[in-house]
Amino acid sequence: MHQKTVKAVIVSAAHEVHYEDRTIEWDDRQVLVRVDRGGICGSDIHYYQHGRAGMSVLKSPMVLGHEFVGVIDSAPQESGLQIGQRVAVNPSCPCQRCTFCLAGKQNLCRSMRFMGSAQFFPHVNGGFAEYVAVDAVQCIPYEAQADAKIIAFAEPLAVCIHAIRQAGDLTGKRVLVTGAGPIGCLVIAAALASGATEVAATDISERCRTLAEEMGASQTVDPRDEDSVADWRNNGGVFDVCFEASGASAAVASAVDFTRPGGIIVQLGMGAAEVNYPIGPLLVKEVQLRGSFRFTSEFTTAVRWLEKGKINPLPLLSAEMNMSEAVSALEMASDKSRAAKVQLVF
């Protein structure tokens, strides 16, 4: 076993985040990655604010972060990875043995060990550290001339590409995205890149609506403005596909009204604990409701799209801050009036 002491961003409880030393270990089968930068995600914010993310509750200190890129520091020869090679790191560690994994649905693996997650104990440390040890299969090389700040969007973009695939062929389709945070905005761009002819978006934040337009939305609306959304209910709904990315109970329910008979709703947003759901309209319109969770091979697809400039995520990058300023960065990322995506630079 090899050992190294590194600086890392560690959360131990709500509002207890520190930049401190920790010792990492790795064996000769693993890859050591020197982390370049990483994006702060909603789950990182939840761990910082509440000491939990959904059902995953902190029981011991954990390194945050699962949206990160870096450079190969050491790798086994059989991996094919080269020292100095730039890589995006896939934070998914499925078991690869269960029925879901063997069917190519690793995102549904019940034993998935996702980096920066407190779902299991011991927790799975994340990538907000100077160095991380990972499996070779997690490392997706990208071209040296590609900008690391762009490639660092691979993980959230992978979530969105998976959602697009859940919806099926979008060619010529009219699409609505409810919730224009980072995920919603990346869904807008991914839908357009996948053939949608029109993408509208809703958000209660003017700042988010502006970002949605920058990412390609042809129309942005405050969902509380009834006059603006009234026409979307015509003839039982006008959108072929609705991507619900907010998790807000009102938005989840409204998606049924806005989706045409025979249309599709893809649910990405996870915020609402309880929803007064319009089962009747869903039933009589034969609207299909499909869940979308994480990603499988779409992580590599996301790296390639970003590498080739198929999508430009930079309108969403609000700030870049040093790893030692993690608390300030988390505070900024928590304030949706100030920031969309904040990246930590290592």
Protein backbone atom coordinates (compact mmCIF):
# COMPACT_ATOMS: atom_id res chain seq x y z
CA MET A 1 0.00 0.00 0.00
CA HIS A 2 1.08 3.57 -0.69
CA GLN A 3 0.29 6.52 1.58
CA LYS A 4 0.22 10.28 1.14
CA THR A 5 -0.89 13.20 3.32
CA VAL A 6 -3.01 15.68 1.39
CA LYS A 7 -5.15 18.72 2.03
CA ALA A 8 -8.88 18.07 1.65
CA VAL A 9 -12.28 19.75 2.13
CA ILE A 10 -13.93 17.72 4.88
CA VAL A 11 -17.47 17.99 6.26
CA SER A 12 -18.15 16.57 9.72
CA ALA A 13 -21.57 18.05 10.54
CA ALA A 14 -23.89 20.88 9.52
CA HIS A 15 -21.82 24.06 9.08
CA GLU A 16 -18.68 22.13 10.00
CA VAL A 17 -16.47 22.17 6.92
CA HIS A 18 -12.69 22.41 7.23
CA TYR A 19 -9.70 22.48 4.92
CA GLU A 20 -7.31 20.09 6.61
CA ASP A 21 -4.85 17.23 6.29
CA ARG A 22 -5.91 13.65 5.72
CA THR A 23 -3.98 10.53 4.78
CA ILE A 24 -4.95 8.63 1.65
CA GLU A 25 -3.96 5.07 0.79
CA TRP A 26 -3.89 3.26 -2.52
CA ASP A 27 -2.56 0.03 -3.97
CA ASP A 28 -0.76 -0.80 -7.21
CA ARG A 29 -4.04 -1.53 -9.01
CA GLN A 30 -5.38 1.97 -8.43
CA VAL A 31 -4.76 5.31 -10.09
CA LEU A 32 -3.58 8.38 -8.21
CA VAL A 33 -5.08 11.58 -9.61
CA ARG A 34 -3.86 15.08 -8.79
CA VAL A 35 -7.10 17.04 -8.64
CA ASP A 36 -7.28 20.19 -10.76
CA ARG A 37 -10.72 21.55 -9.89
CA GLY A 38 -14.24 20.51 -8.94
CA GLY A 39 -17.75 21.92 -9.08
CA ILE A 40 -19.94 22.32 -6.00
CA CYS A 41 -23.19 20.37 -6.35
CA GLY A 42 -26.50 20.64 -4.52
CA SER A 43 -25.68 17.56 -2.42
CA ASP A 44 -22.43 19.22 -1.23
CA ILE A 45 -24.51 22.22 -0.17
CA HIS A 46 -26.99 19.98 1.69
CA TYR A 47 -24.19 18.25 3.62
CA TYR A 48 -22.79 21.68 4.51
CA GLN A 49 -26.13 23.19 5.53
CA HIS A 50 -27.89 20.21 7.11
CA GLY A 51 -25.34 17.43 7.68
CA ARG A 52 -27.32 15.25 5.32
CA ALA A 53 -28.41 14.96 1.70
CA GLY A 54 -31.84 13.37 1.48
CA MET A 55 -31.67 10.05 3.33
CA SER A 56 -27.85 10.11 3.49
CA VAL A 57 -26.86 11.33 6.96
CA LEU A 58 -23.29 12.11 8.05
CA LYS A 59 -22.03 9.75 10.76
CA SER A 60 -18.33 10.59 10.43
CA PRO A 61 -16.15 13.18 8.64
CA MET A 62 -16.20 12.87 4.85
CA VAL A 63 -14.41 14.51 1.92
CA LEU A 64 -16.92 16.43 -0.20
CA GLY A 65 -17.19 16.59 -3.98
CA HIS A 66 -18.09 14.44 -6.97
CA GLU A 67 -17.73 16.81 -9.95
CA PHE A 68 -13.98 16.95 -10.54
CA VAL A 69 -11.17 16.63 -13.04
CA GLY A 70 -7.45 16.13 -12.63
CA VAL A 71 -4.15 14.83 -13.95
CA ILE A 72 -2.75 11.29 -13.69
CA ASP A 73 0.03 11.17 -11.11
CA SER A 74 0.56 7.40 -11.16
CA ALA A 75 -1.24 4.48 -12.80
CA PRO A 76 -0.71 0.75 -13.36
CA GLN A 77 0.78 -0.02 -16.77
CA GLU A 78 -2.14 -2.24 -17.77
CA SER A 79 -4.58 0.69 -17.33
CA GLY A 80 -3.32 2.39 -20.48
CA LEU A 81 -3.30 5.70 -18.60
CA GLN A 82 -0.22 7.91 -18.84
CA ILE A 83 1.38 10.12 -16.17
CA GLY A 84 0.40 13.72 -16.91
CA GLN A 85 -2.74 12.72 -18.81
CA ARG A 86 -5.79 14.89 -18.13
CA VAL A 87 -8.88 13.00 -16.98
CA ALA A 88 -12.44 13.55 -15.83
CA VAL A 89 -13.24 11.24 -12.92
CA ASN A 90 -16.52 9.35 -12.94
CA PRO A 91 -17.68 9.29 -9.29
CA SER A 92 -19.79 6.14 -9.77
CA CYS A 93 -18.54 2.87 -8.26
CA PRO A 94 -21.23 0.24 -9.00
CA CYS A 95 -20.79 -3.37 -7.90
CA GLN A 96 -20.81 -4.68 -11.53
CA ARG A 97 -22.25 -7.98 -10.27
CA CYS A 98 -25.94 -7.38 -9.58
CA THR A 99 -28.83 -7.82 -12.01
CA PHE A 100 -28.96 -4.10 -12.75
CA CYS A 101 -25.24 -3.76 -13.40
CA LEU A 102 -25.20 -6.81 -15.67
CA ALA A 103 -28.09 -5.28 -17.63
CA GLY A 104 -26.13 -2.05 -18.17
CA LYS A 105 -28.20 -0.11 -15.62
CA GLN A 106 -25.43 0.61 -13.15
CA ASN A 107 -27.19 3.78 -11.97
CA LEU A 108 -29.82 1.53 -10.35
CA CYS A 109 -27.24 -0.60 -8.50
CA ARG A 110 -28.37 -1.02 -4.89
CA SER A 111 -24.72 -1.24 -3.79
CA MET A 112 -23.54 1.84 -5.70
CA ARG A 113 -20.75 3.59 -3.82
CA PHE A 114 -20.89 7.14 -5.13
CA MET A 115 -18.00 9.44 -4.27
CA GLY A 116 -18.77 12.19 -1.77
CA SER A 117 -21.81 10.33 -0.44
CA ALA A 118 -22.82 9.38 3.11
CA GLN A 119 -25.35 6.78 1.93
CA PHE A 120 -23.22 3.93 3.28
CA PHE A 121 -21.00 3.66 6.33
CA PRO A 122 -18.08 3.98 6.17
CA HIS A 123 -18.84 6.93 3.89
CA VAL A 124 -17.32 7.21 0.41
CA ASN A 125 -14.92 10.14 0.29
CA GLY A 126 -15.21 12.58 -2.56
CA GLY A 127 -12.81 14.42 -4.83
CA PHE A 128 -12.29 17.77 -3.09
CA ALA A 129 -8.69 16.94 -2.15
CA GLU A 130 -5.27 17.60 -3.60
CA TYR A 131 -5.03 13.93 -4.63
CA VAL A 132 -7.52 11.07 -4.86
CA ALA A 133 -7.09 7.34 -5.45
CA VAL A 134 -9.62 5.82 -7.86
CA ASP A 135 -10.05 2.82 -10.14
CA ALA A 136 -8.70 3.12 -13.68
CA VAL A 137 -12.18 2.60 -15.16
CA GLN A 138 -13.32 5.82 -13.46
CA CYS A 139 -10.77 7.91 -15.38
CA ILE A 140 -11.96 9.29 -18.72
CA PRO A 141 -9.08 10.97 -20.59
CA TYR A 142 -9.74 14.19 -22.49
CA GLU A 143 -7.70 16.24 -24.93
CA ALA A 144 -5.00 18.37 -23.34
CA GLN A 145 -6.16 21.53 -25.12
CA ALA A 146 -9.68 21.27 -23.65
CA ASP A 147 -10.36 23.68 -20.78
CA ALA A 148 -10.57 21.96 -17.39
CA LYS A 149 -13.25 24.39 -16.20
CA ILE A 150 -15.46 23.14 -19.04
CA ILE A 151 -14.73 19.43 -18.56
CA ALA A 152 -15.55 19.80 -14.84
CA PHE A 153 -19.21 20.03 -15.94
CA ALA A 154 -19.11 16.40 -17.15
CA GLU A 155 -20.90 14.90 -14.15
CA PRO A 156 -23.95 17.22 -14.13
CA LEU A 157 -24.11 17.10 -17.93
CA ALA A 158 -24.11 13.29 -17.76
CA VAL A 159 -27.18 13.49 -15.50
CA CYS A 160 -28.88 15.59 -18.17
CA ILE A 161 -27.90 13.40 -21.12
CA HIS A 162 -29.31 10.41 -19.23
CA ALA A 163 -32.57 12.34 -18.78
CA ILE A 164 -32.64 13.08 -22.52
CA ARG A 165 -32.27 9.36 -23.22
CA GLN A 166 -35.10 8.61 -20.80
CA ALA A 167 -37.31 10.86 -22.92
CA GLY A 168 -36.43 9.14 -26.19
CA ASP A 169 -36.03 10.83 -29.57
CA LEU A 170 -36.37 14.61 -29.24
CA THR A 171 -36.03 15.38 -32.93
CA GLY A 172 -38.55 18.07 -33.83
CA LYS A 173 -40.07 18.04 -30.35
CA ARG A 174 -41.37 20.97 -28.32
CA VAL A 175 -39.84 20.81 -24.85
CA LEU A 176 -40.44 22.45 -21.47
CA VAL A 177 -37.88 22.54 -18.64
CA THR A 178 -39.24 23.50 -15.21
CA GLY A 179 -36.46 24.72 -12.94
CA ALA A 180 -33.53 26.57 -14.52
CA GLY A 181 -30.76 25.83 -12.06
CA PRO A 182 -27.52 24.26 -13.34
CA ILE A 183 -29.21 20.93 -14.15
CA GLY A 184 -32.22 22.56 -15.82
CA CYS A 185 -29.97 24.83 -17.89
CA LEU A 186 -27.80 21.91 -19.00
CA VAL A 187 -30.97 19.99 -19.93
CA ILE A 188 -31.95 22.94 -22.14
CA ALA A 189 -28.65 22.78 -23.99
CA ALA A 190 -28.67 18.98 -24.18
CA ALA A 191 -32.24 18.92 -25.54
CA LEU A 192 -31.34 21.40 -28.27
CA ALA A 193 -28.19 19.41 -29.09
CA SER A 194 -30.42 16.32 -29.36
CA GLY A 195 -32.78 17.76 -31.95
CA ALA A 196 -35.50 19.61 -30.02
CA THR A 197 -36.82 22.50 -32.10
CA GLU A 198 -38.06 24.60 -29.20
CA VAL A 199 -37.21 24.63 -25.49
CA ALA A 200 -39.10 26.79 -23.02
CA ALA A 201 -38.13 27.13 -19.37
CA THR A 202 -39.66 28.26 -16.09
CA ASP A 203 -38.09 29.48 -12.86
CA ILE A 204 -39.16 31.88 -10.14
CA SER A 205 -35.68 33.47 -10.24
CA GLU A 206 -35.07 36.18 -12.83
CA ARG A 207 -31.38 35.38 -12.70
CA CYS A 208 -32.05 31.72 -13.53
CA ARG A 209 -34.38 32.70 -16.37
CA THR A 210 -31.62 34.86 -17.85
CA LEU A 211 -29.18 31.94 -17.65
CA ALA A 212 -31.77 29.70 -19.33
CA GLU A 213 -31.89 32.11 -22.26
CA GLU A 214 -28.09 32.11 -22.46
CA MET A 215 -28.19 28.31 -22.62
CA GLY A 216 -30.64 28.40 -25.53
CA ALA A 217 -34.20 28.62 -24.16
CA SER A 218 -36.47 30.37 -26.67
CA GLN A 219 -38.93 31.42 -23.96
CA THR A 220 -38.54 31.84 -20.20
CA VAL A 221 -41.43 32.40 -17.81
CA ASP A 222 -42.04 32.97 -14.11
CA PRO A 223 -44.43 30.07 -13.35
CA ARG A 224 -46.33 32.29 -10.91
CA ASP A 225 -47.37 34.53 -13.83
CA GLU A 226 -50.63 32.79 -14.73
CA ASP A 227 -51.16 34.92 -17.86
CA SER A 228 -47.81 33.75 -19.27
CA VAL A 229 -48.50 30.04 -18.81
CA ALA A 230 -52.24 30.00 -19.62
CA ASP A 231 -51.68 29.17 -23.30
CA TRP A 232 -49.59 26.12 -22.33
CA ARG A 233 -52.77 24.43 -21.10
CA ASN A 234 -54.56 24.73 -24.46
CA ASN A 235 -55.99 21.49 -25.87
CA GLY A 236 -54.79 19.57 -22.84
CA GLY A 237 -51.20 20.80 -22.96
CA VAL A 238 -48.76 21.82 -25.68
CA PHE A 239 -45.33 20.32 -24.89
CA ASP A 240 -44.24 16.94 -26.23
CA VAL A 241 -41.77 16.45 -23.39
CA CYS A 242 -41.39 18.14 -20.01
CA PHE A 243 -38.21 17.82 -17.95
CA GLU A 244 -39.05 18.65 -14.33
CA ALA A 245 -35.76 19.78 -12.82
CA SER A 246 -36.85 21.85 -9.80
CA GLY A 247 -38.35 19.30 -7.42
CA ALA A 248 -40.77 22.01 -6.26
CA SER A 249 -44.20 20.53 -5.55
CA ALA A 250 -46.05 23.17 -7.60
CA ALA A 251 -43.79 22.58 -10.60
CA VAL A 252 -44.09 18.80 -10.34
CA ALA A 253 -47.88 19.06 -10.41
CA SER A 254 -48.02 21.70 -13.17
CA ALA A 255 -45.98 19.57 -15.57
CA VAL A 256 -49.02 17.36 -16.16
CA ASP A 257 -51.09 20.39 -17.27
CA PHE A 258 -48.44 21.61 -19.70
CA THR A 259 -47.67 18.22 -21.31
CA ARG A 260 -49.80 17.28 -24.30
CA PRO A 261 -51.92 14.12 -24.35
CA GLY A 262 -49.61 11.18 -25.02
CA GLY A 263 -46.58 13.23 -24.00
CA ILE A 264 -43.74 12.42 -21.63
CA ILE A 265 -42.62 13.88 -18.30
CA VAL A 266 -39.08 13.14 -17.11
CA GLN A 267 -38.61 13.80 -13.40
CA LEU A 268 -35.09 14.91 -12.39
CA GLY A 269 -35.80 17.28 -9.51
CA MET A 270 -35.67 15.61 -6.11
CA GLY A 271 -36.69 18.35 -3.70
CA ALA A 272 -40.38 17.79 -2.94
CA ALA A 273 -41.12 15.40 -0.07
CA GLU A 274 -44.87 15.52 -0.70
CA VAL A 275 -46.80 16.47 -3.83
CA ASN A 276 -50.52 16.87 -4.38
CA TYR A 277 -50.27 15.08 -7.71
CA PRO A 278 -52.92 15.33 -10.49
CA ILE A 279 -53.29 11.61 -11.11
CA GLY A 280 -56.57 12.07 -13.00
CA PRO A 281 -55.20 14.30 -15.79
CA LEU A 282 -52.08 12.12 -16.04
CA LEU A 283 -54.30 9.08 -16.53
CA VAL A 284 -56.86 10.45 -19.00
CA LYS A 285 -54.15 12.12 -21.12
CA GLU A 286 -52.00 8.97 -21.07
CA VAL A 287 -48.98 11.05 -20.12
CA GLN A 288 -45.94 8.91 -19.32
CA LEU A 289 -44.05 9.80 -16.14
CA ARG A 290 -40.44 8.61 -16.18
CA GLY A 291 -37.85 8.92 -13.45
CA SER A 292 -34.24 9.80 -14.25
CA PHE A 293 -31.41 9.10 -11.81
CA ARG A 294 -27.71 9.76 -12.28
CA PHE A 295 -26.17 8.16 -15.41
CA THR A 296 -24.36 5.16 -16.88
CA SER A 297 -22.26 5.44 -20.05
CA GLU A 298 -23.47 9.03 -20.45
CA PHE A 299 -20.51 10.23 -18.36
CA THR A 300 -18.14 9.47 -21.23
CA THR A 301 -20.61 11.01 -23.68
CA ALA A 302 -20.66 14.19 -21.57
CA VAL A 303 -16.86 14.41 -21.63
CA ARG A 304 -16.86 14.06 -25.43
CA TRP A 305 -19.61 16.67 -25.90
CA LEU A 306 -17.72 19.16 -23.72
CA GLU A 307 -14.38 18.32 -25.31
CA LYS A 308 -15.76 18.97 -28.79
CA GLY A 309 -17.72 22.10 -27.83
CA LYS A 310 -21.14 20.59 -28.55
CA ILE A 311 -22.34 22.36 -25.40
CA ASN A 312 -20.88 25.46 -23.76
CA PRO A 313 -21.58 25.37 -20.01
CA LEU A 314 -19.57 28.46 -19.09
CA PRO A 315 -22.55 30.83 -18.72
CA LEU A 316 -23.30 28.75 -15.59
CA LEU A 317 -19.85 29.23 -14.03
CA SER A 318 -20.37 31.98 -11.47
CA ALA A 319 -17.05 31.85 -9.62
CA GLU A 320 -13.74 30.02 -9.21
CA MET A 321 -12.32 29.91 -5.69
CA ASN A 322 -9.31 28.32 -4.04
CA MET A 323 -9.84 25.05 -2.21
CA SER A 324 -8.83 26.75 1.06
CA GLU A 325 -11.86 29.04 0.63
CA ALA A 326 -14.29 26.11 0.58
CA VAL A 327 -16.62 27.52 3.23
CA SER A 328 -16.98 30.84 1.39
CA ALA A 329 -17.48 28.93 -1.85
CA LEU A 330 -20.21 26.78 -0.29
CA GLU A 331 -21.91 29.89 1.09
CA MET A 332 -21.85 31.50 -2.35
CA ALA A 333 -23.08 28.36 -4.09
CA SER A 334 -25.94 28.18 -1.56
CA ASP A 335 -27.20 31.62 -2.61
CA LYS A 336 -29.09 31.12 -5.87
CA SER A 337 -29.46 34.89 -6.23
CA ARG A 338 -25.68 35.12 -6.59
CA ALA A 339 -24.47 31.90 -8.14
CA ALA A 340 -25.26 28.95 -10.38
CA LYS A 341 -22.11 26.82 -10.38
CA VAL A 342 -19.06 27.53 -8.21
CA GLN A 343 -15.82 25.64 -8.85
CA LEU A 344 -13.04 25.01 -6.36
CA VAL A 345 -9.55 25.25 -7.82
CA PHE A 346 -6.94 22.94 -6.29
